[in-house]
Amino acid sequence: MKTILYYTIFYFSELIQVVIFIAGCYFLGISMFGWIKRKDREKAVEPRKKFAVVIAAHNEELVISHIIDSLFKQHYPRELFDVFVIADNCSDKTARIAEDHGAMVHIRDDNTKRGKGHALEWMFERIFRMNNKYDAVAVFDADNLVSPNFLWEMNIQLCKGHKVVQGFIDSKNPFDSWITCSYSIAFWLSNRIFQLPRYYLKLSCGLCGTGFCIDTSVLNELKWGATCLTEDLEYTMKLALNGIKIAWAHDAIVYDEKPITLKQSWMQRKRWMQGHADCAARYLRPLFRQAFLQGDLIALDCALYLFQPIRLIFVGLMTILMWIQTVYPEFPLFTVQYVFPVQVWYVMALSEMLYGPLVILAERKFNLKVLLGFAIYPIYCLTWAPIALQGFLERDNKEWNHTAHTRQLSIGDVENGN
């Protein structure tokens, strides 16, 4: 029995190493193309596109006014955008405050179809029935703050012919706690080494749940239909299967409020992993089929991204095995046999420790607080392994858990560094 268990651990550890190494090489290779930020040599584009700006809100009375105020400060012709707020199953003053600040409020009461995906689908249908016709819909969360040039940058990308565009997700409260700092680092890295290189390589970027824009022709043709716990990921995969790439607007910045405590963060990321597992179950097979039968690199890249939770779980298991081997070397049962020389793993670990700070330096986000954040960041990364496992095990739970937002800041406060 001991021999069987030994060989099971032995071969499983080898499989883990191969998966981690190949996936790491793939994502590292892609990320290299985001190191040099290209200058846009396109001619100036005049404002032409008319936007329906949609804010999804559920009991957001503390923060809703600030995003609306930031939207009305856009450096974009006022007649070319309207601001709508979905007061989704609200029991507070969200609707009244939003209306007082100039937004057009649509109240939705539906206890059977809960969650942001359902709320957006409901609102999109209402927009299409309006007399006003819009070229595109921009989507935000109620806790966001929007940079003044956001719609201008989206107009540029839409005028280039892109149909779906994701903006840069920044942090509204990067230094409130070690969790918010870790979140911020993760998003800064994602913007520069996940999103930007895919845009340069003409692959598809990923929707981030907020700060994105969709041409109304796409919504008319494909509809929304993304109502799982991670509606952004679901629609990203739906677009890939229909041959529509998501472009990137690096200078269209949205400041998002990050969870402050580990408990809040755990619940939010568990929901993300539940939705991720749900999307993987439904979209992996058709994505791989399209990738191999049609030679579709976008579908292949999206399919590989859906494997990320498995990679996170494997990294966690590998860390546990290596820890046991270090603490209890006398137990041969737990000895990890390395497919690659152990020096390779040390070099990879050291490279990853240095790679992140260099990327943040390139993004001009680097300071003493961020440096201290990188000392804690590996702990945040390791928490992804149990969260991914829990999300996978609870993937059939469709209950939406709302993250409370309380950070009351204006766009001026954030952009002036207050």
Protein backbone atom coordinates (compact mmCIF):
# COMPACT_ATOMS: atom_id res chain seq x y z
CA MET A 1 0.00 0.00 0.00
CA LYS A 2 2.84 2.34 0.88
CA THR A 3 4.51 1.59 -2.48
CA ILE A 4 1.33 2.43 -4.42
CA LEU A 5 0.94 5.71 -2.52
CA TYR A 6 4.60 6.54 -3.09
CA TYR A 7 4.40 6.06 -6.85
CA THR A 8 1.10 7.94 -7.00
CA ILE A 9 2.72 10.95 -5.35
CA PHE A 10 5.83 10.51 -7.49
CA TYR A 11 4.06 10.54 -10.86
CA PHE A 12 1.56 13.17 -9.77
CA SER A 13 4.36 15.51 -8.69
CA GLU A 14 5.99 15.01 -12.10
CA LEU A 15 2.72 15.89 -13.84
CA ILE A 16 2.36 19.01 -11.68
CA GLN A 17 5.87 20.15 -12.58
CA VAL A 18 5.33 19.69 -16.31
CA VAL A 19 2.02 21.59 -16.26
CA ILE A 20 3.45 24.43 -14.18
CA PHE A 21 6.56 24.70 -16.35
CA ILE A 22 4.77 24.65 -19.73
CA ALA A 23 2.05 27.05 -18.61
CA GLY A 24 4.64 29.34 -17.04
CA CYS A 25 6.70 29.42 -20.24
CA TYR A 26 3.61 30.17 -22.33
CA PHE A 27 2.34 33.05 -20.22
CA LEU A 28 5.85 34.43 -19.71
CA GLY A 29 6.47 34.35 -23.46
CA ILE A 30 3.24 36.26 -24.12
CA SER A 31 4.01 38.80 -21.40
CA MET A 32 7.32 39.82 -23.01
CA PHE A 33 5.44 41.60 -25.78
CA GLY A 34 3.99 44.06 -23.28
CA TRP A 35 7.33 45.36 -22.05
CA ILE A 36 7.72 48.07 -24.68
CA LYS A 37 4.68 50.33 -24.85
CA ARG A 38 4.20 51.48 -28.41
CA LYS A 39 3.39 55.06 -29.32
CA ASP A 40 0.12 55.44 -31.15
CA ARG A 41 0.84 57.10 -34.50
CA GLU A 42 -2.78 57.28 -35.55
CA LYS A 43 -4.14 60.65 -36.58
CA ALA A 44 -6.39 62.47 -34.13
CA VAL A 45 -9.96 61.17 -34.15
CA GLU A 46 -12.85 63.53 -33.56
CA PRO A 47 -15.62 62.48 -31.13
CA ARG A 48 -18.17 60.58 -33.20
CA LYS A 49 -19.53 57.70 -31.18
CA LYS A 50 -22.54 58.13 -28.93
CA PHE A 51 -22.39 56.15 -25.68
CA ALA A 52 -24.94 54.72 -23.31
CA VAL A 53 -22.99 54.63 -20.05
CA VAL A 54 -24.40 51.96 -17.73
CA ILE A 55 -23.63 51.66 -14.01
CA ALA A 56 -24.75 48.49 -12.24
CA ALA A 57 -25.56 49.26 -8.59
CA HIS A 58 -26.87 47.22 -5.65
CA ASN A 59 -27.11 49.16 -2.37
CA GLU A 60 -24.31 51.58 -3.25
CA GLU A 61 -25.52 54.79 -1.59
CA LEU A 62 -22.06 55.54 -0.16
CA VAL A 63 -20.22 55.60 -3.48
CA ILE A 64 -22.72 56.03 -6.33
CA SER A 65 -22.48 59.84 -6.44
CA HIS A 66 -18.72 59.82 -7.01
CA ILE A 67 -18.74 57.72 -10.17
CA ILE A 68 -21.60 59.76 -11.64
CA ASP A 69 -19.73 63.00 -10.91
CA SER A 70 -16.58 61.59 -12.55
CA LEU A 71 -18.57 60.64 -15.66
CA PHE A 72 -20.00 64.13 -16.01
CA LYS A 73 -16.42 65.44 -15.96
CA GLN A 74 -15.55 63.55 -19.14
CA HIS A 75 -13.57 65.43 -21.77
CA TYR A 76 -16.14 64.37 -24.32
CA PRO A 77 -19.13 66.21 -25.84
CA ARG A 78 -22.00 66.06 -23.37
CA GLU A 79 -24.54 65.42 -26.13
CA LEU A 80 -22.71 62.22 -27.10
CA PHE A 81 -23.29 60.25 -23.90
CA ASP A 82 -26.04 59.52 -21.39
CA VAL A 83 -25.55 58.02 -17.93
CA PHE A 84 -27.86 55.25 -16.75
CA VAL A 85 -27.91 53.65 -13.30
CA ILE A 86 -29.46 50.25 -12.68
CA ALA A 87 -30.77 50.33 -9.11
CA ASP A 88 -30.77 46.56 -8.87
CA ASN A 89 -32.81 45.18 -5.95
CA CYS A 90 -31.78 48.15 -3.82
CA SER A 91 -33.11 48.73 -0.30
CA ASP A 92 -31.21 51.96 0.37
CA LYS A 93 -30.98 55.45 -1.17
CA THR A 94 -28.96 54.49 -4.25
CA ALA A 95 -31.72 55.39 -6.73
CA ARG A 96 -32.50 58.79 -5.20
CA ILE A 97 -28.84 59.83 -4.87
CA ALA A 98 -28.11 58.75 -8.44
CA GLU A 99 -31.06 60.76 -9.74
CA ASP A 100 -30.03 63.81 -7.69
CA HIS A 101 -26.59 63.68 -9.35
CA GLY A 102 -28.03 63.67 -12.88
CA ALA A 103 -28.20 60.01 -13.87
CA MET A 104 -31.21 58.37 -15.47
CA VAL A 105 -32.23 55.70 -12.98
CA HIS A 106 -33.89 52.42 -13.87
CA ILE A 107 -35.20 50.47 -10.88
CA ARG A 108 -35.07 46.69 -11.13
CA ASP A 109 -36.76 44.39 -8.61
CA ASP A 110 -36.25 40.73 -9.39
CA ASN A 111 -35.39 38.30 -6.59
CA THR A 112 -35.28 35.28 -8.91
CA LYS A 113 -32.63 36.52 -11.36
CA ARG A 114 -30.05 38.08 -9.09
CA GLY A 115 -26.61 39.30 -10.01
CA LYS A 116 -24.92 41.80 -12.27
CA GLY A 117 -25.19 39.69 -15.42
CA HIS A 118 -28.99 39.56 -15.22
CA ALA A 119 -29.16 43.28 -14.41
CA LEU A 120 -27.07 44.20 -17.46
CA GLU A 121 -29.13 42.00 -19.75
CA TRP A 122 -32.31 43.66 -18.46
CA MET A 123 -30.85 47.14 -19.01
CA PHE A 124 -29.50 46.43 -22.49
CA GLU A 125 -32.95 45.36 -23.64
CA ARG A 126 -34.41 48.62 -22.31
CA ILE A 127 -31.74 50.68 -24.08
CA PHE A 128 -32.52 49.05 -27.41
CA ARG A 129 -36.17 50.03 -27.06
CA MET A 130 -35.37 53.72 -26.46
CA ASN A 131 -35.85 56.42 -29.04
CA ASN A 132 -32.25 57.54 -28.58
CA LYS A 133 -29.88 55.33 -30.55
CA TYR A 134 -26.37 54.66 -29.31
CA ASP A 135 -23.25 53.45 -31.07
CA ALA A 136 -21.85 51.70 -28.02
CA VAL A 137 -22.52 50.80 -24.40
CA ALA A 138 -19.90 51.43 -21.70
CA VAL A 139 -20.23 49.44 -18.47
CA PHE A 140 -19.05 50.34 -14.96
CA ASP A 141 -19.47 49.25 -11.36
CA ALA A 142 -20.89 51.70 -8.83
CA ASP A 143 -17.68 51.83 -6.77
CA ASN A 144 -15.58 52.98 -9.74
CA LEU A 145 -14.12 56.35 -10.61
CA VAL A 146 -13.58 57.11 -14.30
CA SER A 147 -10.69 59.12 -15.75
CA PRO A 148 -11.79 62.21 -17.72
CA ASN A 149 -10.40 60.86 -21.01
CA PHE A 150 -12.13 57.46 -20.84
CA LEU A 151 -14.84 57.99 -23.45
CA TRP A 152 -12.39 59.87 -25.68
CA GLU A 153 -10.03 56.85 -25.71
CA MET A 154 -12.92 54.46 -26.33
CA ASN A 155 -14.09 56.61 -29.23
CA ILE A 156 -10.62 56.30 -30.79
CA GLN A 157 -10.62 52.51 -30.54
CA LEU A 158 -14.17 52.18 -31.87
CA CYS A 159 -13.35 54.47 -34.79
CA LYS A 160 -10.43 52.17 -35.62
CA GLY A 161 -12.96 49.41 -36.16
CA HIS A 162 -12.75 47.56 -32.85
CA LYS A 163 -16.10 46.30 -31.59
CA VAL A 164 -15.29 45.52 -27.95
CA VAL A 165 -12.70 47.43 -25.89
CA GLN A 166 -11.46 46.96 -22.33
CA GLY A 167 -9.95 49.85 -20.37
CA PHE A 168 -7.10 49.94 -17.84
CA ILE A 169 -8.24 48.80 -14.38
CA ASP A 170 -6.45 50.76 -11.70
CA SER A 171 -7.00 50.88 -7.95
CA LYS A 172 -8.94 53.49 -6.01
CA ASN A 173 -7.50 52.42 -2.64
CA PRO A 174 -4.16 50.67 -3.21
CA PHE A 175 -2.72 51.26 0.26
CA ASP A 176 -5.69 50.73 2.58
CA SER A 177 -4.40 47.29 3.62
CA TRP A 178 -2.03 44.53 2.53
CA ILE A 179 -4.96 42.97 0.66
CA THR A 180 -5.74 46.12 -1.35
CA CYS A 181 -2.05 46.52 -2.13
CA SER A 182 -1.83 42.92 -3.34
CA TYR A 183 -4.96 43.34 -5.46
CA SER A 184 -3.51 46.51 -6.97
CA ILE A 185 -0.22 44.82 -7.83
CA ALA A 186 -2.12 41.94 -9.44
CA PHE A 187 -4.18 44.27 -11.63
CA TRP A 188 -1.18 46.44 -12.56
CA LEU A 189 0.67 43.31 -13.65
CA SER A 190 -2.34 42.01 -15.56
CA ASN A 191 -2.76 45.29 -17.43
CA ARG A 192 0.84 45.32 -18.61
CA ILE A 193 1.76 41.64 -19.12
CA PHE A 194 -1.60 40.02 -19.85
CA GLN A 195 -3.81 42.58 -21.60
CA LEU A 196 -1.39 44.85 -23.45
CA PRO A 197 0.68 42.08 -25.11
CA ARG A 198 -2.45 40.31 -26.32
CA TYR A 199 -3.58 43.54 -27.93
CA TYR A 200 -0.20 43.92 -29.65
CA LEU A 201 -0.23 40.26 -30.78
CA LYS A 202 -3.78 40.65 -32.18
CA LEU A 203 -5.11 38.07 -29.74
CA SER A 204 -8.15 38.85 -27.59
CA CYS A 205 -7.86 40.70 -24.30
CA GLY A 206 -10.16 39.80 -21.42
CA LEU A 207 -13.14 41.70 -20.09
CA CYS A 208 -12.66 42.71 -16.44
CA GLY A 209 -16.27 43.20 -15.37
CA THR A 210 -16.04 46.98 -15.52
CA GLY A 211 -14.51 49.72 -17.65
CA PHE A 212 -15.34 48.14 -20.98
CA CYS A 213 -17.24 49.19 -24.07
CA ILE A 214 -19.29 47.13 -26.56
CA ASP A 215 -20.51 48.25 -29.97
CA THR A 216 -24.31 48.00 -30.01
CA SER A 217 -24.16 46.02 -33.26
CA VAL A 218 -22.43 43.21 -31.32
CA LEU A 219 -25.05 43.27 -28.58
CA ASN A 220 -27.81 43.24 -31.19
CA GLU A 221 -26.29 40.28 -33.00
CA LEU A 222 -24.99 38.13 -30.13
CA LYS A 223 -27.18 39.50 -27.35
CA TRP A 224 -25.72 39.50 -23.86
CA GLY A 225 -26.70 36.18 -22.31
CA ALA A 226 -23.84 36.28 -19.79
CA THR A 227 -25.51 35.71 -16.45
CA CYS A 228 -23.17 33.45 -14.48
CA LEU A 229 -21.13 34.56 -11.45
CA THR A 230 -18.39 35.86 -13.78
CA GLU A 231 -20.38 37.44 -16.57
CA ASP A 232 -17.27 39.18 -17.94
CA LEU A 233 -15.38 35.91 -18.41
CA GLU A 234 -18.44 34.26 -19.92
CA TYR A 235 -18.89 37.02 -22.49
CA THR A 236 -15.15 36.98 -23.28
CA MET A 237 -15.44 33.30 -24.23
CA LYS A 238 -18.66 33.90 -26.14
CA LEU A 239 -16.95 36.60 -28.19
CA ALA A 240 -13.97 34.35 -28.90
CA LEU A 241 -16.22 31.61 -30.24
CA ASN A 242 -17.82 34.16 -32.55
CA GLY A 243 -14.54 35.51 -33.87
CA ILE A 244 -14.73 38.89 -32.12
CA LYS A 245 -11.55 40.18 -30.48
CA ILE A 246 -11.49 42.38 -27.40
CA ALA A 247 -9.20 45.37 -27.91
CA TRP A 248 -7.34 47.30 -25.23
CA ALA A 249 -7.28 51.00 -24.32
CA HIS A 250 -4.28 51.44 -22.03
CA ASP A 251 -4.98 55.12 -21.36
CA ALA A 252 -8.69 54.71 -20.58
CA ILE A 253 -8.39 54.35 -16.82
CA VAL A 254 -10.98 53.14 -14.34
CA TYR A 255 -10.25 53.21 -10.62
CA ASP A 256 -11.83 50.24 -8.87
CA GLU A 257 -12.32 49.80 -5.13
CA LYS A 258 -10.49 46.71 -3.84
CA PRO A 259 -11.66 44.63 -0.84
CA ILE A 260 -9.93 45.66 2.36
CA THR A 261 -9.96 42.46 4.43
CA LEU A 262 -8.85 38.92 3.65
CA LYS A 263 -12.38 37.67 4.35
CA GLN A 264 -13.91 40.05 1.80
CA SER A 265 -11.21 39.18 -0.69
CA TRP A 266 -11.65 35.44 -0.13
CA MET A 267 -15.40 35.62 -0.76
CA GLN A 268 -14.96 37.72 -3.90
CA ARG A 269 -12.23 35.56 -5.38
CA LYS A 270 -14.12 32.39 -4.50
CA ARG A 271 -17.05 33.74 -6.52
CA TRP A 272 -14.67 34.44 -9.38
CA MET A 273 -13.36 30.87 -9.24
CA GLN A 274 -16.89 29.43 -9.07
CA GLY A 275 -17.76 31.35 -12.22
CA HIS A 276 -14.44 30.41 -13.79
CA ALA A 277 -15.10 26.69 -13.20
CA ASP A 278 -18.60 27.10 -14.59
CA CYS A 279 -17.26 28.77 -17.75
CA ALA A 280 -14.55 26.12 -18.15
CA ALA A 281 -17.14 23.34 -18.03
CA ARG A 282 -19.22 25.02 -20.75
CA TYR A 283 -16.62 26.62 -23.02
CA LEU A 284 -13.40 24.56 -22.90
CA ARG A 285 -14.53 21.89 -25.35
CA PRO A 286 -15.93 24.26 -28.03
CA LEU A 287 -12.89 26.54 -27.69
CA PHE A 288 -10.44 23.67 -28.18
CA ARG A 289 -12.54 22.33 -31.06
CA GLN A 290 -12.46 25.72 -32.78
CA ALA A 291 -8.75 26.13 -32.04
CA PHE A 292 -7.69 22.83 -33.60
CA LEU A 293 -10.24 22.51 -36.41
CA GLN A 294 -9.98 26.12 -37.59
CA GLY A 295 -6.46 26.99 -36.42
CA ASP A 296 -7.92 29.73 -34.23
CA LEU A 297 -5.17 31.08 -31.95
CA ILE A 298 -7.58 33.34 -30.10
CA ALA A 299 -9.76 30.38 -29.13
CA LEU A 300 -6.65 28.44 -28.05
CA ASP A 301 -5.39 31.31 -25.90
CA CYS A 302 -8.80 31.67 -24.23
CA ALA A 303 -8.98 27.92 -23.60
CA LEU A 304 -5.55 27.96 -21.96
CA TYR A 305 -6.63 30.84 -19.77
CA LEU A 306 -9.59 28.77 -18.56
CA PHE A 307 -7.01 26.26 -17.25
CA GLN A 308 -5.53 28.87 -14.90
CA PRO A 309 -7.34 27.65 -11.73
CA ILE A 310 -5.91 24.17 -12.27
CA ARG A 311 -2.44 25.71 -12.52
CA LEU A 312 -3.05 27.64 -9.29
CA ILE A 313 -4.10 24.45 -7.50
CA PHE A 314 -1.01 22.67 -8.84
CA VAL A 315 1.26 25.48 -7.63
CA GLY A 316 -0.29 25.15 -4.17
CA LEU A 317 0.16 21.38 -4.12
CA MET A 318 3.74 21.70 -5.33
CA THR A 319 4.46 24.22 -2.58
CA ILE A 320 3.05 21.82 0.04
CA LEU A 321 5.11 18.89 -1.30
CA MET A 322 8.29 20.95 -1.31
CA TRP A 323 7.58 22.20 2.22
CA ILE A 324 7.04 18.66 3.51
CA GLN A 325 10.25 17.53 1.85
CA THR A 326 12.15 20.42 3.45
CA VAL A 327 10.71 19.99 6.96
CA TYR A 328 10.56 16.17 6.95
CA PRO A 329 13.40 14.99 4.68
CA GLU A 330 13.50 11.65 6.52
CA PHE A 331 10.11 10.71 5.05
CA PRO A 332 10.99 9.28 1.61
CA LEU A 333 7.27 8.96 0.85
CA PHE A 334 7.10 12.72 0.40
CA THR A 335 10.28 13.18 -1.59
CA VAL A 336 9.56 15.25 -4.69
CA GLN A 337 11.37 13.94 -7.76
CA TYR A 338 12.13 16.89 -10.01
CA VAL A 339 11.54 16.52 -13.74
CA PHE A 340 13.80 19.54 -14.19
CA PRO A 341 16.93 20.19 -12.09
CA VAL A 342 16.03 21.86 -8.80
CA GLN A 343 18.21 24.81 -9.82
CA VAL A 344 15.72 25.54 -12.62
CA TRP A 345 12.92 25.97 -10.08
CA TYR A 346 15.07 28.26 -7.94
CA VAL A 347 15.93 30.40 -10.98
CA MET A 348 12.25 30.54 -11.97
CA ALA A 349 11.22 31.53 -8.44
CA LEU A 350 13.89 34.24 -8.29
CA SER A 351 12.93 35.51 -11.75
CA GLU A 352 9.29 35.82 -10.76
CA MET A 353 10.27 37.74 -7.62
CA LEU A 354 12.19 40.26 -9.74
CA TYR A 355 9.87 40.26 -12.76
CA GLY A 356 6.88 41.79 -11.00
CA PRO A 357 8.69 44.84 -9.57
CA LEU A 358 10.31 45.51 -12.95
CA VAL A 359 6.89 45.47 -14.63
CA ILE A 360 5.46 47.85 -12.01
CA LEU A 361 8.49 50.10 -12.53
CA ALA A 362 7.71 50.18 -16.26
CA GLU A 363 4.14 51.20 -15.39
CA ARG A 364 5.51 54.04 -13.22
CA LYS A 365 3.66 52.71 -10.19
CA PHE A 366 6.75 51.91 -8.17
CA ASN A 367 7.36 53.49 -4.73
CA LEU A 368 8.33 52.38 -1.22
CA LYS A 369 4.80 51.23 -0.37
CA VAL A 370 4.63 49.08 -3.51
CA LEU A 371 8.06 47.63 -2.69
CA LEU A 372 6.78 46.62 0.75
CA GLY A 373 3.65 45.27 -0.92
CA PHE A 374 5.78 42.91 -3.02
CA ALA A 375 7.18 41.44 0.21
CA ILE A 376 3.63 40.34 1.13
CA TYR A 377 2.38 39.68 -2.39
CA PRO A 378 3.56 36.00 -2.49
CA ILE A 379 1.24 35.27 0.47
CA TYR A 380 -1.68 36.71 -1.48
CA CYS A 381 -0.68 34.58 -4.49
CA LEU A 382 -0.55 31.40 -2.41
CA THR A 383 -4.09 32.01 -1.13
CA TRP A 384 -5.29 31.58 -4.70
CA ALA A 385 -4.63 27.82 -4.53
CA PRO A 386 -7.18 26.96 -1.78
CA ILE A 387 -9.59 29.57 -3.18
CA ALA A 388 -9.41 28.00 -6.64
CA LEU A 389 -9.98 24.55 -5.14
CA GLN A 390 -12.94 25.77 -3.08
CA GLY A 391 -14.39 27.55 -6.10
CA PHE A 392 -14.10 24.39 -8.18
CA LEU A 393 -15.78 22.27 -5.49
CA GLU A 394 -18.59 24.82 -5.09
CA ARG A 395 -18.97 25.60 -8.80
CA ASP A 396 -22.65 24.58 -8.80
CA ASN A 397 -23.50 27.25 -6.22
CA LYS A 398 -24.90 30.17 -8.24
CA GLU A 399 -25.66 32.45 -5.29
CA TRP A 400 -24.36 36.00 -5.79
CA ASN A 401 -22.42 37.49 -2.86
CA HIS A 402 -22.27 41.27 -2.90
CA THR A 403 -19.04 43.01 -1.87
CA ALA A 404 -19.76 46.12 0.20
CA HIS A 405 -18.11 49.36 -1.00
CA THR A 406 -17.43 52.16 1.46
CA ARG A 407 -14.41 54.12 0.16
CA GLN A 408 -15.74 57.61 -0.55
CA LEU A 409 -13.24 59.32 -2.85
CA SER A 410 -13.65 61.67 -5.80
CA ILE A 411 -11.80 61.38 -9.09
CA GLY A 412 -9.80 64.44 -8.03
CA ASP A 413 -8.76 62.75 -4.77
CA VAL A 414 -7.45 59.70 -6.60
CA GLU A 415 -5.72 61.39 -9.53
CA ASN A 416 -4.10 63.98 -7.24
CA GLY A 417 -2.79 61.22 -4.97
CA ASN A 418 -4.86 62.06 -1.88
